[in-house]
Amino acid sequence: MLILSRYPHHRDEFRHALRSVVPDTTFLERAPDDIGFAEAWRDADVFLGWPLFNTDDPALQPDAGTNLRWVQTTSAGIASINGKAPEHWTITTAAGVFGPTIAEHVLGLLLYFRRNLHLCSERQRERVWGIGDAPFVELAGQTLLMLGLGDIGRNVAQRAAALGVRVVGVRREPSVHLPPGVERVVGLDQLDDELPAAHVVVAALPGTRHTRGLLDARRLGLMRDDAGFINVGRGSLVDHDALATQLESRPRSWAGLDVTHPEPLPTDHALWGLPNVLITPHLSGSTDRNAERIEALFLENLRHFAGGDLDRMRNRFDPFWEY
């Protein structure tokens, strides 16, 4: 079995573990611009890494991977694969890898604005003591509207609830089961009813036809004048021009954006210059433990793949959300 990886952070323990799972394994680590990558892509049985389907190189198109049977992505979302992958491929995602670190990022943004650390940072650069009469708001008792209750949403809910935050979840299909930390769950069709009561809205939804433009000017207008908004899902969920207009007219509101549409956000966009906005360059999922988690997931799926038990592989691609 030939396994090709374009993931650049593999540990020695992982390379040894591969051969304990499948002894007859050739493991190649190549970047797409390396000599020999295209040949390895054609010959590989398994591919680990970011999808390649946005390239114009005909040698790296999906149908050029004639032997390829399984793709394990290193991303939770796989919108770039939509409609491009052959039907015989098994595709698994890295859902579940990034929840803990993205949840920490969300809490960091929440505390940054609720504790007025953005103002403190500005005053420090100006060498000014004090931040005026800006209000400090305790998190306990606040309502957080969590859009999406996948791995990321559940991790955010648990951590926010530990700080006394009331979490209301929004998902495509509400269920009786309540994830830890979530007080109640509603469907997307009830979003308009929930937005006016939320002190902060956190978006962790994938970018699909079901979610694109979900937070348009009308819905953004339903939010409180002092509401916070955090997006760690996909930038396509939000009308960024409308968001900038709202934040300009509501100085007590704020936004923490780890994703934008497009990425990077154009340098002349109004959001860059607003004092009540913090933009982080799509790094909320970054952590020193990513390699460990991705490798553990891959090894688990490799055991099932090698044994022909494809139904037990974790995070098999569900096309409903992605098309």
C-alpha atoms as a PDB file:
ATOM      1  CA  MET A   1       0.000   0.000   0.000  1.00  0.00           C
ATOM      2  CA  LEU A   2       1.353   3.415  -1.018  1.00  0.00           C
ATOM      3  CA  ILE A   3       0.364   6.258   1.298  1.00  0.00           C
ATOM      4  CA  LEU A   4       1.106   9.783   0.109  1.00  0.00           C
ATOM      5  CA  SER A   5       1.020  12.646   2.600  1.00  0.00           C
ATOM      6  CA  ARG A   6       1.346  16.346   1.976  1.00  0.00           C
ATOM      7  CA  TYR A   7       0.932  17.037   5.687  1.00  0.00           C
ATOM      8  CA  PRO A   8       4.274  18.518   6.800  1.00  0.00           C
ATOM      9  CA  HIS A   9       4.372  17.758  10.502  1.00  0.00           C
ATOM     10  CA  HIS A  10       4.568  13.983  10.959  1.00  0.00           C
ATOM     11  CA  ARG A  11       6.296  12.594  14.029  1.00  0.00           C
ATOM     12  CA  ASP A  12       8.626   9.580  14.081  1.00  0.00           C
ATOM     13  CA  GLU A  13       6.154   7.688  16.285  1.00  0.00           C
ATOM     14  CA  PHE A  14       3.556   7.988  13.543  1.00  0.00           C
ATOM     15  CA  ARG A  15       5.829   6.567  10.852  1.00  0.00           C
ATOM     16  CA  HIS A  16       6.565   3.530  13.033  1.00  0.00           C
ATOM     17  CA  ALA A  17       2.884   3.076  13.893  1.00  0.00           C
ATOM     18  CA  LEU A  18       1.929   3.031  10.203  1.00  0.00           C
ATOM     19  CA  ARG A  19       3.968  -0.094   9.591  1.00  0.00           C
ATOM     20  CA  SER A  20       2.576  -1.797  12.671  1.00  0.00           C
ATOM     21  CA  VAL A  21      -0.937  -1.317  11.248  1.00  0.00           C
ATOM     22  CA  VAL A  22      -0.066  -2.213   7.629  1.00  0.00           C
ATOM     23  CA  PRO A  23       3.417  -3.808   7.448  1.00  0.00           C
ATOM     24  CA  ASP A  24       3.622  -3.689   3.664  1.00  0.00           C
ATOM     25  CA  THR A  25       3.396   0.110   3.464  1.00  0.00           C
ATOM     26  CA  THR A  26       5.344   2.686   1.516  1.00  0.00           C
ATOM     27  CA  PHE A  27       4.939   6.099   3.079  1.00  0.00           C
ATOM     28  CA  LEU A  28       5.885   9.201   1.086  1.00  0.00           C
ATOM     29  CA  GLU A  29       5.850  12.780   2.343  1.00  0.00           C
ATOM     30  CA  ARG A  30       5.793  15.243  -0.529  1.00  0.00           C
ATOM     31  CA  ALA A  31       4.718  18.806  -1.135  1.00  0.00           C
ATOM     32  CA  PRO A  32       2.800  19.413  -4.400  1.00  0.00           C
ATOM     33  CA  ASP A  33       5.736  21.363  -5.847  1.00  0.00           C
ATOM     34  CA  ASP A  34       8.261  18.625  -5.013  1.00  0.00           C
ATOM     35  CA  ILE A  35       9.830  16.623  -7.817  1.00  0.00           C
ATOM     36  CA  GLY A  36       8.006  13.317  -8.045  1.00  0.00           C
ATOM     37  CA  PHE A  37       4.778  14.467  -6.417  1.00  0.00           C
ATOM     38  CA  ALA A  38       2.670  14.031  -9.555  1.00  0.00           C
ATOM     39  CA  GLU A  39       3.999  10.474 -10.039  1.00  0.00           C
ATOM     40  CA  ALA A  40       3.293   9.627  -6.400  1.00  0.00           C
ATOM     41  CA  TRP A  41      -0.207  11.111  -6.759  1.00  0.00           C
ATOM     42  CA  ARG A  42      -0.910   8.777  -9.685  1.00  0.00           C
ATOM     43  CA  ASP A  43       0.367   5.697  -7.859  1.00  0.00           C
ATOM     44  CA  ALA A  44      -0.925   6.308  -4.324  1.00  0.00           C
ATOM     45  CA  ASP A  45      -3.632   4.162  -2.761  1.00  0.00           C
ATOM     46  CA  VAL A  46      -4.195   6.604   0.104  1.00  0.00           C
ATOM     47  CA  PHE A  47      -3.782  10.362   0.328  1.00  0.00           C
ATOM     48  CA  LEU A  48      -3.421  12.330   3.578  1.00  0.00           C
ATOM     49  CA  GLY A  49      -3.545  16.092   3.508  1.00  0.00           C
ATOM     50  CA  TRP A  50      -5.297  19.120   2.120  1.00  0.00           C
ATOM     51  CA  PRO A  51      -7.266  18.410  -1.086  1.00  0.00           C
ATOM     52  CA  LEU A  52      -5.539  19.362  -4.323  1.00  0.00           C
ATOM     53  CA  PHE A  53      -8.567  20.002  -6.434  1.00  0.00           C
ATOM     54  CA  ASN A  54      -8.076  23.744  -6.837  1.00  0.00           C
ATOM     55  CA  THR A  55      -4.978  23.251  -8.962  1.00  0.00           C
ATOM     56  CA  ASP A  56      -4.858  23.711 -12.734  1.00  0.00           C
ATOM     57  CA  ASP A  57      -2.207  21.022 -13.172  1.00  0.00           C
ATOM     58  CA  PRO A  58      -3.864  18.190 -15.150  1.00  0.00           C
ATOM     59  CA  ALA A  59      -1.519  15.666 -13.528  1.00  0.00           C
ATOM     60  CA  LEU A  60      -2.991  16.471 -10.120  1.00  0.00           C
ATOM     61  CA  GLN A  61      -6.687  16.326 -10.964  1.00  0.00           C
ATOM     62  CA  PRO A  62      -8.875  13.745  -9.170  1.00  0.00           C
ATOM     63  CA  ASP A  63      -9.144  11.482 -12.213  1.00  0.00           C
ATOM     64  CA  ALA A  64      -5.339  11.406 -12.472  1.00  0.00           C
ATOM     65  CA  GLY A  65      -5.135   9.513  -9.192  1.00  0.00           C
ATOM     66  CA  THR A  66      -5.957   6.225 -10.865  1.00  0.00           C
ATOM     67  CA  ASN A  67      -5.089   4.035  -7.863  1.00  0.00           C
ATOM     68  CA  LEU A  68      -6.453   6.330  -5.183  1.00  0.00           C
ATOM     69  CA  ARG A  69      -9.137   4.761  -3.015  1.00  0.00           C
ATOM     70  CA  TRP A  70      -9.170   6.825   0.174  1.00  0.00           C
ATOM     71  CA  VAL A  71      -8.572  10.492   0.967  1.00  0.00           C
ATOM     72  CA  GLN A  72      -8.142  11.554   4.598  1.00  0.00           C
ATOM     73  CA  THR A  73      -8.304  15.326   4.710  1.00  0.00           C
ATOM     74  CA  THR A  74      -6.546  17.400   7.336  1.00  0.00           C
ATOM     75  CA  SER A  75      -9.415  19.869   7.374  1.00  0.00           C
ATOM     76  CA  ALA A  76     -12.837  19.566   8.976  1.00  0.00           C
ATOM     77  CA  GLY A  77     -14.614  21.063   5.965  1.00  0.00           C
ATOM     78  CA  ILE A  78     -14.176  19.773   2.432  1.00  0.00           C
ATOM     79  CA  ALA A  79     -16.078  22.218   0.255  1.00  0.00           C
ATOM     80  CA  SER A  80     -13.203  22.175  -2.254  1.00  0.00           C
ATOM     81  CA  ILE A  81     -13.971  18.524  -3.051  1.00  0.00           C
ATOM     82  CA  ASN A  82     -17.592  19.199  -4.008  1.00  0.00           C
ATOM     83  CA  GLY A  83     -18.551  17.519  -7.239  1.00  0.00           C
ATOM     84  CA  LYS A  84     -14.921  16.779  -8.099  1.00  0.00           C
ATOM     85  CA  ALA A  85     -14.126  13.505  -6.363  1.00  0.00           C
ATOM     86  CA  PRO A  86     -14.765  10.167  -8.114  1.00  0.00           C
ATOM     87  CA  GLU A  87     -17.619   8.186  -6.589  1.00  0.00           C
ATOM     88  CA  HIS A  88     -15.405   5.212  -5.750  1.00  0.00           C
ATOM     89  CA  TRP A  89     -13.262   7.252  -3.363  1.00  0.00           C
ATOM     90  CA  THR A  90     -13.765   6.958   0.360  1.00  0.00           C
ATOM     91  CA  ILE A  91     -13.361  10.424   1.854  1.00  0.00           C
ATOM     92  CA  THR A  92     -12.938  11.118   5.558  1.00  0.00           C
ATOM     93  CA  THR A  93     -12.478  14.493   7.196  1.00  0.00           C
ATOM     94  CA  ALA A  94     -10.603  15.753  10.241  1.00  0.00           C
ATOM     95  CA  ALA A  95     -13.766  16.700  12.111  1.00  0.00           C
ATOM     96  CA  GLY A  96     -13.118  16.380  15.834  1.00  0.00           C
ATOM     97  CA  VAL A  97      -9.489  17.445  15.619  1.00  0.00           C
ATOM     98  CA  PHE A  98      -9.928  21.195  15.958  1.00  0.00           C
ATOM     99  CA  GLY A  99     -12.767  21.602  18.457  1.00  0.00           C
ATOM    100  CA  PRO A 100     -10.727  22.141  21.635  1.00  0.00           C
ATOM    101  CA  THR A 101      -8.354  24.759  20.234  1.00  0.00           C
ATOM    102  CA  ILE A 102     -11.039  26.652  18.296  1.00  0.00           C
ATOM    103  CA  ALA A 103     -13.154  26.753  21.458  1.00  0.00           C
ATOM    104  CA  GLU A 104     -10.205  28.309  23.297  1.00  0.00           C
ATOM    105  CA  HIS A 105      -9.896  30.875  20.505  1.00  0.00           C
ATOM    106  CA  VAL A 106     -13.601  31.728  20.835  1.00  0.00           C
ATOM    107  CA  LEU A 107     -13.251  32.233  24.587  1.00  0.00           C
ATOM    108  CA  GLY A 108     -10.185  34.375  23.975  1.00  0.00           C
ATOM    109  CA  LEU A 109     -12.155  36.658  21.646  1.00  0.00           C
ATOM    110  CA  LEU A 110     -15.080  36.764  24.056  1.00  0.00           C
ATOM    111  CA  LEU A 111     -12.897  37.802  26.985  1.00  0.00           C
ATOM    112  CA  TYR A 112     -10.891  40.202  24.818  1.00  0.00           C
ATOM    113  CA  PHE A 113     -13.954  42.312  24.129  1.00  0.00           C
ATOM    114  CA  ARG A 114     -15.987  41.747  27.297  1.00  0.00           C
ATOM    115  CA  ARG A 115     -12.994  42.753  29.452  1.00  0.00           C
ATOM    116  CA  ASN A 116     -12.204  45.697  27.138  1.00  0.00           C
ATOM    117  CA  LEU A 117      -8.732  44.376  26.438  1.00  0.00           C
ATOM    118  CA  HIS A 118      -8.962  45.901  22.968  1.00  0.00           C
ATOM    119  CA  LEU A 119      -9.254  49.332  24.559  1.00  0.00           C
ATOM    120  CA  CYS A 120      -6.429  48.610  26.977  1.00  0.00           C
ATOM    121  CA  SER A 121      -4.210  47.644  24.057  1.00  0.00           C
ATOM    122  CA  GLU A 122      -5.006  50.895  22.243  1.00  0.00           C
ATOM    123  CA  ARG A 123      -4.343  53.003  25.348  1.00  0.00           C
ATOM    124  CA  GLN A 124      -1.050  51.228  25.997  1.00  0.00           C
ATOM    125  CA  ARG A 125       0.208  52.102  22.526  1.00  0.00           C
ATOM    126  CA  GLU A 126      -0.842  55.720  23.224  1.00  0.00           C
ATOM    127  CA  ARG A 127       0.850  55.579  26.662  1.00  0.00           C
ATOM    128  CA  VAL A 128      -2.438  56.574  28.290  1.00  0.00           C
ATOM    129  CA  TRP A 129      -3.629  55.314  31.683  1.00  0.00           C
ATOM    130  CA  GLY A 130      -7.326  54.387  31.790  1.00  0.00           C
ATOM    131  CA  ILE A 131      -9.950  53.573  29.196  1.00  0.00           C
ATOM    132  CA  GLY A 132     -12.667  56.050  30.061  1.00  0.00           C
ATOM    133  CA  ASP A 133     -16.139  54.886  31.042  1.00  0.00           C
ATOM    134  CA  ALA A 134     -16.332  51.772  28.873  1.00  0.00           C
ATOM    135  CA  PRO A 135     -18.575  49.227  30.638  1.00  0.00           C
ATOM    136  CA  PHE A 136     -17.279  45.897  31.874  1.00  0.00           C
ATOM    137  CA  VAL A 137     -19.718  43.024  31.382  1.00  0.00           C
ATOM    138  CA  GLU A 138     -19.534  39.762  33.302  1.00  0.00           C
ATOM    139  CA  LEU A 139     -19.938  36.616  31.236  1.00  0.00           C
ATOM    140  CA  ALA A 140     -22.020  34.820  33.865  1.00  0.00           C
ATOM    141  CA  GLY A 141     -25.683  35.107  32.943  1.00  0.00           C
ATOM    142  CA  GLN A 142     -25.026  36.153  29.340  1.00  0.00           C
ATOM    143  CA  THR A 143     -26.683  34.262  26.495  1.00  0.00           C
ATOM    144  CA  LEU A 144     -24.498  32.757  23.771  1.00  0.00           C
ATOM    145  CA  LEU A 145     -26.242  31.665  20.592  1.00  0.00           C
ATOM    146  CA  MET A 146     -24.177  28.810  19.145  1.00  0.00           C
ATOM    147  CA  LEU A 147     -24.735  28.338  15.412  1.00  0.00           C
ATOM    148  CA  GLY A 148     -23.706  24.762  14.771  1.00  0.00           C
ATOM    149  CA  LEU A 149     -23.348  21.991  17.328  1.00  0.00           C
ATOM    150  CA  GLY A 150     -20.699  19.853  15.743  1.00  0.00           C
ATOM    151  CA  ASP A 151     -17.376  19.256  17.410  1.00  0.00           C
ATOM    152  CA  ILE A 152     -16.541  22.959  17.547  1.00  0.00           C
ATOM    153  CA  GLY A 153     -19.940  24.049  18.817  1.00  0.00           C
ATOM    154  CA  ARG A 154     -19.998  21.400  21.531  1.00  0.00           C
ATOM    155  CA  ASN A 155     -16.520  22.343  22.742  1.00  0.00           C
ATOM    156  CA  VAL A 156     -17.466  26.027  22.846  1.00  0.00           C
ATOM    157  CA  ALA A 157     -20.661  25.244  24.750  1.00  0.00           C
ATOM    158  CA  GLN A 158     -18.889  23.199  27.431  1.00  0.00           C
ATOM    159  CA  ARG A 159     -16.270  25.847  28.088  1.00  0.00           C
ATOM    160  CA  ALA A 160     -18.662  28.791  27.979  1.00  0.00           C
ATOM    161  CA  ALA A 161     -21.120  27.083  30.324  1.00  0.00           C
ATOM    162  CA  ALA A 162     -18.288  26.543  32.818  1.00  0.00           C
ATOM    163  CA  LEU A 163     -18.043  30.350  33.013  1.00  0.00           C
ATOM    164  CA  GLY A 164     -21.745  30.693  33.737  1.00  0.00           C
ATOM    165  CA  VAL A 165     -22.830  31.511  30.179  1.00  0.00           C
ATOM    166  CA  ARG A 166     -26.257  30.322  29.019  1.00  0.00           C
ATOM    167  CA  VAL A 167     -25.823  28.506  25.694  1.00  0.00           C
ATOM    168  CA  VAL A 168     -28.619  28.111  23.167  1.00  0.00           C
ATOM    169  CA  GLY A 169     -27.739  25.865  20.240  1.00  0.00           C
ATOM    170  CA  VAL A 170     -28.938  26.228  16.660  1.00  0.00           C
ATOM    171  CA  ARG A 171     -28.669  23.325  14.294  1.00  0.00           C
ATOM    172  CA  ARG A 172     -30.251  22.053  11.095  1.00  0.00           C
ATOM    173  CA  GLU A 173     -32.358  19.474  12.893  1.00  0.00           C
ATOM    174  CA  PRO A 174     -32.964  20.098  16.619  1.00  0.00           C
ATOM    175  CA  SER A 175     -33.010  16.952  18.714  1.00  0.00           C
ATOM    176  CA  VAL A 176     -34.124  15.982  22.183  1.00  0.00           C
ATOM    177  CA  HIS A 177     -30.520  15.260  23.172  1.00  0.00           C
ATOM    178  CA  LEU A 178     -28.752  18.261  24.711  1.00  0.00           C
ATOM    179  CA  PRO A 179     -24.945  18.356  24.428  1.00  0.00           C
ATOM    180  CA  PRO A 180     -23.154  19.209  27.694  1.00  0.00           C
ATOM    181  CA  GLY A 181     -23.394  22.910  28.451  1.00  0.00           C
ATOM    182  CA  VAL A 182     -26.341  23.581  26.112  1.00  0.00           C
ATOM    183  CA  GLU A 183     -29.612  24.652  27.753  1.00  0.00           C
ATOM    184  CA  ARG A 184     -31.778  24.119  24.689  1.00  0.00           C
ATOM    185  CA  VAL A 185     -31.540  23.531  20.956  1.00  0.00           C
ATOM    186  CA  VAL A 186     -33.613  25.086  18.184  1.00  0.00           C
ATOM    187  CA  GLY A 187     -33.704  24.654  14.425  1.00  0.00           C
ATOM    188  CA  LEU A 188     -32.367  27.064  11.843  1.00  0.00           C
ATOM    189  CA  ASP A 189     -35.963  28.065  11.107  1.00  0.00           C
ATOM    190  CA  GLN A 190     -36.106  29.649  14.577  1.00  0.00           C
ATOM    191  CA  LEU A 191     -32.940  31.713  14.179  1.00  0.00           C
ATOM    192  CA  ASP A 192     -34.828  35.004  13.791  1.00  0.00           C
ATOM    193  CA  ASP A 193     -36.564  34.450  17.115  1.00  0.00           C
ATOM    194  CA  GLU A 194     -33.286  33.820  18.982  1.00  0.00           C
ATOM    195  CA  LEU A 195     -31.034  36.548  17.589  1.00  0.00           C
ATOM    196  CA  PRO A 196     -32.578  39.497  19.500  1.00  0.00           C
ATOM    197  CA  ALA A 197     -31.936  37.854  22.896  1.00  0.00           C
ATOM    198  CA  ALA A 198     -28.315  36.805  22.311  1.00  0.00           C
ATOM    199  CA  HIS A 199     -25.479  38.752  23.926  1.00  0.00           C
ATOM    200  CA  VAL A 200     -23.024  37.000  21.624  1.00  0.00           C
ATOM    201  CA  VAL A 201     -23.512  34.927  18.476  1.00  0.00           C
ATOM    202  CA  VAL A 202     -20.862  32.347  17.604  1.00  0.00           C
ATOM    203  CA  ALA A 203     -20.933  30.813  14.117  1.00  0.00           C
ATOM    204  CA  ALA A 204     -19.330  27.413  13.551  1.00  0.00           C
ATOM    205  CA  LEU A 205     -21.317  26.244  10.529  1.00  0.00           C
ATOM    206  CA  PRO A 206     -19.786  24.862   7.325  1.00  0.00           C
ATOM    207  CA  GLY A 207     -19.975  26.840   4.101  1.00  0.00           C
ATOM    208  CA  THR A 208     -22.708  25.165   2.058  1.00  0.00           C
ATOM    209  CA  ARG A 209     -25.746  26.081   0.023  1.00  0.00           C
ATOM    210  CA  HIS A 210     -27.762  25.729   3.224  1.00  0.00           C
ATOM    211  CA  THR A 211     -25.730  28.340   5.101  1.00  0.00           C
ATOM    212  CA  ARG A 212     -24.388  30.816   2.543  1.00  0.00           C
ATOM    213  CA  GLY A 213     -25.573  34.319   3.365  1.00  0.00           C
ATOM    214  CA  LEU A 214     -27.344  33.094   6.479  1.00  0.00           C
ATOM    215  CA  LEU A 215     -26.457  36.255   8.392  1.00  0.00           C
ATOM    216  CA  ASP A 216     -27.561  38.895   5.912  1.00  0.00           C
ATOM    217  CA  ALA A 217     -28.308  42.559   6.616  1.00  0.00           C
ATOM    218  CA  ARG A 218     -31.807  41.789   7.870  1.00  0.00           C
ATOM    219  CA  ARG A 219     -30.688  39.162  10.373  1.00  0.00           C
ATOM    220  CA  LEU A 220     -27.714  41.208  11.534  1.00  0.00           C
ATOM    221  CA  GLY A 221     -30.183  43.991  12.197  1.00  0.00           C
ATOM    222  CA  LEU A 222     -32.091  41.738  14.592  1.00  0.00           C
ATOM    223  CA  MET A 223     -29.140  41.519  16.959  1.00  0.00           C
ATOM    224  CA  ARG A 224     -28.770  43.622  20.102  1.00  0.00           C
ATOM    225  CA  ASP A 225     -27.015  46.987  19.901  1.00  0.00           C
ATOM    226  CA  ASP A 226     -24.288  45.633  22.202  1.00  0.00           C
ATOM    227  CA  ALA A 227     -24.110  42.109  20.775  1.00  0.00           C
ATOM    228  CA  GLY A 228     -20.868  40.408  19.939  1.00  0.00           C
ATOM    229  CA  PHE A 229     -20.325  38.210  16.889  1.00  0.00           C
ATOM    230  CA  ILE A 230     -17.638  35.557  16.454  1.00  0.00           C
ATOM    231  CA  ASN A 231     -17.161  33.578  13.265  1.00  0.00           C
ATOM    232  CA  VAL A 232     -14.998  30.450  13.265  1.00  0.00           C
ATOM    233  CA  GLY A 233     -17.065  28.630  10.633  1.00  0.00           C
ATOM    234  CA  ARG A 234     -16.936  29.981   7.094  1.00  0.00           C
ATOM    235  CA  GLY A 235     -16.845  33.547   5.868  1.00  0.00           C
ATOM    236  CA  SER A 236     -19.586  32.852   3.337  1.00  0.00           C
ATOM    237  CA  LEU A 237     -22.129  32.751   6.179  1.00  0.00           C
ATOM    238  CA  VAL A 238     -22.018  36.516   6.588  1.00  0.00           C
ATOM    239  CA  ASP A 239     -22.624  39.644   4.520  1.00  0.00           C
ATOM    240  CA  HIS A 240     -19.399  41.465   5.420  1.00  0.00           C
ATOM    241  CA  ASP A 241     -20.498  44.821   4.030  1.00  0.00           C
ATOM    242  CA  ALA A 242     -23.657  44.691   6.136  1.00  0.00           C
ATOM    243  CA  LEU A 243     -21.623  43.600   9.158  1.00  0.00           C
ATOM    244  CA  ALA A 244     -19.296  46.597   8.762  1.00  0.00           C
ATOM    245  CA  THR A 245     -22.281  48.937   8.502  1.00  0.00           C
ATOM    246  CA  GLN A 246     -23.806  47.513  11.669  1.00  0.00           C
ATOM    247  CA  LEU A 247     -20.562  47.720  13.638  1.00  0.00           C
ATOM    248  CA  GLU A 248     -20.017  51.318  12.543  1.00  0.00           C
ATOM    249  CA  SER A 249     -23.512  52.356  13.639  1.00  0.00           C
ATOM    250  CA  ARG A 250     -23.426  50.338  16.871  1.00  0.00           C
ATOM    251  CA  PRO A 251     -20.143  51.139  18.622  1.00  0.00           C
ATOM    252  CA  ARG A 252     -21.042  48.974  21.622  1.00  0.00           C
ATOM    253  CA  SER A 253     -21.224  45.912  19.373  1.00  0.00           C
ATOM    254  CA  TRP A 254     -18.118  43.980  18.328  1.00  0.00           C
ATOM    255  CA  ALA A 255     -16.902  41.164  16.122  1.00  0.00           C
ATOM    256  CA  GLY A 256     -14.095  38.618  16.191  1.00  0.00           C
ATOM    257  CA  LEU A 257     -13.550  37.142  12.732  1.00  0.00           C
ATOM    258  CA  ASP A 258     -11.251  34.198  12.128  1.00  0.00           C
ATOM    259  CA  VAL A 259     -12.752  33.591   8.673  1.00  0.00           C
ATOM    260  CA  THR A 260     -13.829  36.014   5.962  1.00  0.00           C
ATOM    261  CA  HIS A 261     -15.175  35.927   2.431  1.00  0.00           C
ATOM    262  CA  PRO A 262     -13.041  36.141   0.444  1.00  0.00           C
ATOM    263  CA  GLU A 263      -9.852  35.199   2.233  1.00  0.00           C
ATOM    264  CA  PRO A 264      -7.844  37.246   2.674  1.00  0.00           C
ATOM    265  CA  LEU A 265     -10.299  40.094   3.162  1.00  0.00           C
ATOM    266  CA  PRO A 266      -9.544  42.894   0.653  1.00  0.00           C
ATOM    267  CA  THR A 267      -7.237  45.474   2.205  1.00  0.00           C
ATOM    268  CA  ASP A 268      -9.683  48.302   1.470  1.00  0.00           C
ATOM    269  CA  HIS A 269     -12.606  46.657   3.270  1.00  0.00           C
ATOM    270  CA  ALA A 270     -14.109  48.757   6.059  1.00  0.00           C
ATOM    271  CA  LEU A 271     -13.849  45.951   8.615  1.00  0.00           C
ATOM    272  CA  TRP A 272     -10.051  46.293   8.769  1.00  0.00           C
ATOM    273  CA  GLY A 273     -10.249  49.798  10.219  1.00  0.00           C
ATOM    274  CA  LEU A 274     -12.975  49.379  12.821  1.00  0.00           C
ATOM    275  CA  PRO A 275     -11.858  49.572  16.456  1.00  0.00           C
ATOM    276  CA  ASN A 276     -14.524  47.089  17.574  1.00  0.00           C
ATOM    277  CA  VAL A 277     -13.307  44.334  15.236  1.00  0.00           C
ATOM    278  CA  LEU A 278     -10.478  41.826  15.644  1.00  0.00           C
ATOM    279  CA  ILE A 279      -9.533  39.836  12.537  1.00  0.00           C
ATOM    280  CA  THR A 280      -7.394  36.731  12.947  1.00  0.00           C
ATOM    281  CA  PRO A 281      -6.101  35.075   9.738  1.00  0.00           C
ATOM    282  CA  HIS A 282      -7.922  31.723   9.880  1.00  0.00           C
ATOM    283  CA  LEU A 283      -5.716  30.367  12.647  1.00  0.00           C
ATOM    284  CA  SER A 284      -8.201  29.411  15.359  1.00  0.00           C
ATOM    285  CA  GLY A 285      -7.602  25.719  14.643  1.00  0.00           C
ATOM    286  CA  SER A 286      -3.830  25.991  14.977  1.00  0.00           C
ATOM    287  CA  THR A 287      -2.217  24.245  17.927  1.00  0.00           C
ATOM    288  CA  ASP A 288       0.895  22.286  18.801  1.00  0.00           C
ATOM    289  CA  ARG A 289      -1.300  19.180  19.210  1.00  0.00           C
ATOM    290  CA  ASN A 290      -2.837  19.067  15.715  1.00  0.00           C
ATOM    291  CA  ALA A 291      -0.333  16.536  14.371  1.00  0.00           C
ATOM    292  CA  GLU A 292      -0.965  14.203  17.295  1.00  0.00           C
ATOM    293  CA  ARG A 293      -4.742  14.283  16.796  1.00  0.00           C
ATOM    294  CA  ILE A 294      -4.673  13.981  13.002  1.00  0.00           C
ATOM    295  CA  GLU A 295      -2.261  11.060  13.133  1.00  0.00           C
ATOM    296  CA  ALA A 296      -4.370   9.234  15.737  1.00  0.00           C
ATOM    297  CA  LEU A 297      -7.460   9.705  13.567  1.00  0.00           C
ATOM    298  CA  PHE A 298      -5.630   8.530  10.451  1.00  0.00           C
ATOM    299  CA  LEU A 299      -4.271   5.392  12.160  1.00  0.00           C
ATOM    300  CA  GLU A 300      -7.726   4.478  13.447  1.00  0.00           C
ATOM    301  CA  ASN A 301      -9.220   4.879   9.981  1.00  0.00           C
ATOM    302  CA  LEU A 302      -6.278   3.042   8.387  1.00  0.00           C
ATOM    303  CA  ARG A 303      -7.018  -0.051  10.501  1.00  0.00           C
ATOM    304  CA  HIS A 304     -10.603  -0.104   9.258  1.00  0.00           C
ATOM    305  CA  PHE A 305      -9.614   0.689   5.671  1.00  0.00           C
ATOM    306  CA  ALA A 306      -6.979  -2.051   5.553  1.00  0.00           C
ATOM    307  CA  GLY A 307      -9.471  -4.508   7.026  1.00  0.00           C
ATOM    308  CA  GLY A 308     -12.149  -3.623   4.470  1.00  0.00           C
ATOM    309  CA  ASP A 309     -14.465  -2.300   7.193  1.00  0.00           C
ATOM    310  CA  LEU A 310     -15.184   1.058   5.567  1.00  0.00           C
ATOM    311  CA  ASP A 311     -18.412   1.629   7.492  1.00  0.00           C
ATOM    312  CA  ARG A 312     -16.456   1.970  10.738  1.00  0.00           C
ATOM    313  CA  MET A 313     -14.184   4.718   9.449  1.00  0.00           C
ATOM    314  CA  ARG A 314     -14.685   7.984  11.325  1.00  0.00           C
ATOM    315  CA  ASN A 315     -15.926  11.164   9.637  1.00  0.00           C
ATOM    316  CA  ARG A 316     -16.979   9.656   6.348  1.00  0.00           C
ATOM    317  CA  PHE A 317     -18.086  12.408   3.988  1.00  0.00           C
ATOM    318  CA  ASP A 318     -21.780  13.291   4.207  1.00  0.00           C
ATOM    319  CA  PRO A 319     -22.604  15.146   0.982  1.00  0.00           C
ATOM    320  CA  PHE A 320     -25.830  16.717   2.276  1.00  0.00           C
ATOM    321  CA  TRP A 321     -24.175  19.704   3.908  1.00  0.00           C
ATOM    322  CA  GLU A 322     -21.566  20.209   1.242  1.00  0.00           C
ATOM    323  CA  TYR A 323     -23.644  20.484  -1.934  1.00  0.00           C
END
